[in-house]
Amino acid sequence: MKKHFYLAIMISIIAGLYIPKDMQFAVTIMIISSIATYVGINHSSFFPVKGGDDDE
């Protein structure tokens, strides 16, 4: 799953090089927010729980 995530990021960065200058800020905000949403929804695969109070 992570390889698809990193592939999507690379494609977004490469596609960002070819969009017009006046659209770059809006597209950048959309990409960052979608990545943050994806990581937030699938946080257990990106940040595994190590110890803590829940595993007693």
Protein backbone atom coordinates (compact mmCIF):
# COMPACT_ATOMS: atom_id res chain seq x y z
CA MET A 1 0.00 0.00 0.00
CA LYS A 2 2.81 2.41 0.77
CA LYS A 3 4.34 1.99 -2.70
CA HIS A 4 1.08 3.25 -4.24
CA PHE A 5 1.11 6.20 -1.84
CA TYR A 6 4.66 7.16 -2.79
CA LEU A 7 3.88 6.67 -6.49
CA ALA A 8 0.90 9.03 -6.18
CA ILE A 9 3.13 11.64 -4.52
CA MET A 10 5.75 11.38 -7.28
CA ILE A 11 3.09 11.70 -10.00
CA SER A 12 1.61 14.74 -8.23
CA ILE A 13 5.01 16.43 -8.05
CA ILE A 14 5.82 15.69 -11.69
CA ALA A 15 2.36 16.86 -12.82
CA GLY A 16 2.83 20.00 -10.73
CA LEU A 17 5.76 21.02 -12.90
CA TYR A 18 3.58 21.27 -15.99
CA ILE A 19 0.54 23.17 -14.71
CA PRO A 20 0.21 26.94 -15.28
CA LYS A 21 1.73 29.29 -12.69
CA ASP A 22 -1.63 30.74 -11.62
CA MET A 23 -2.96 27.28 -10.68
CA GLN A 24 0.10 26.00 -8.80
CA PHE A 25 -0.87 27.32 -5.36
CA ALA A 26 -4.39 25.88 -5.46
CA VAL A 27 -3.19 22.51 -6.76
CA THR A 28 -0.45 22.39 -4.13
CA ILE A 29 -2.97 23.00 -1.35
CA MET A 30 -5.25 20.28 -2.75
CA ILE A 31 -2.38 17.77 -2.96
CA ILE A 32 -1.16 18.50 0.58
CA SER A 33 -4.66 18.30 2.03
CA SER A 34 -5.41 15.03 0.25
CA ILE A 35 -2.13 13.50 1.48
CA ALA A 36 -2.85 14.68 5.02
CA THR A 37 -6.35 13.22 4.83
CA TYR A 38 -5.02 9.88 3.54
CA VAL A 39 -2.41 9.67 6.29
CA GLY A 40 -5.02 10.69 8.88
CA ILE A 41 -7.44 7.98 7.79
CA ASN A 42 -4.75 5.28 7.56
CA HIS A 43 -2.64 6.46 10.50
CA SER A 44 -2.23 2.96 11.92
CA SER A 45 -0.19 1.84 8.90
CA PHE A 46 2.03 4.94 8.99
CA PHE A 47 2.41 5.30 12.76
CA PRO A 48 2.31 1.88 14.42
CA VAL A 49 1.60 1.87 18.15
CA LYS A 50 4.65 1.04 20.26
CA GLY A 51 3.78 0.44 23.88
CA GLY A 52 1.52 2.85 25.70
CA ASP A 53 -1.32 2.41 28.15
CA ASP A 54 -3.65 0.47 25.84
CA ASP A 55 -1.77 -2.83 25.77
CA GLU A 56 -1.90 -3.69 29.46
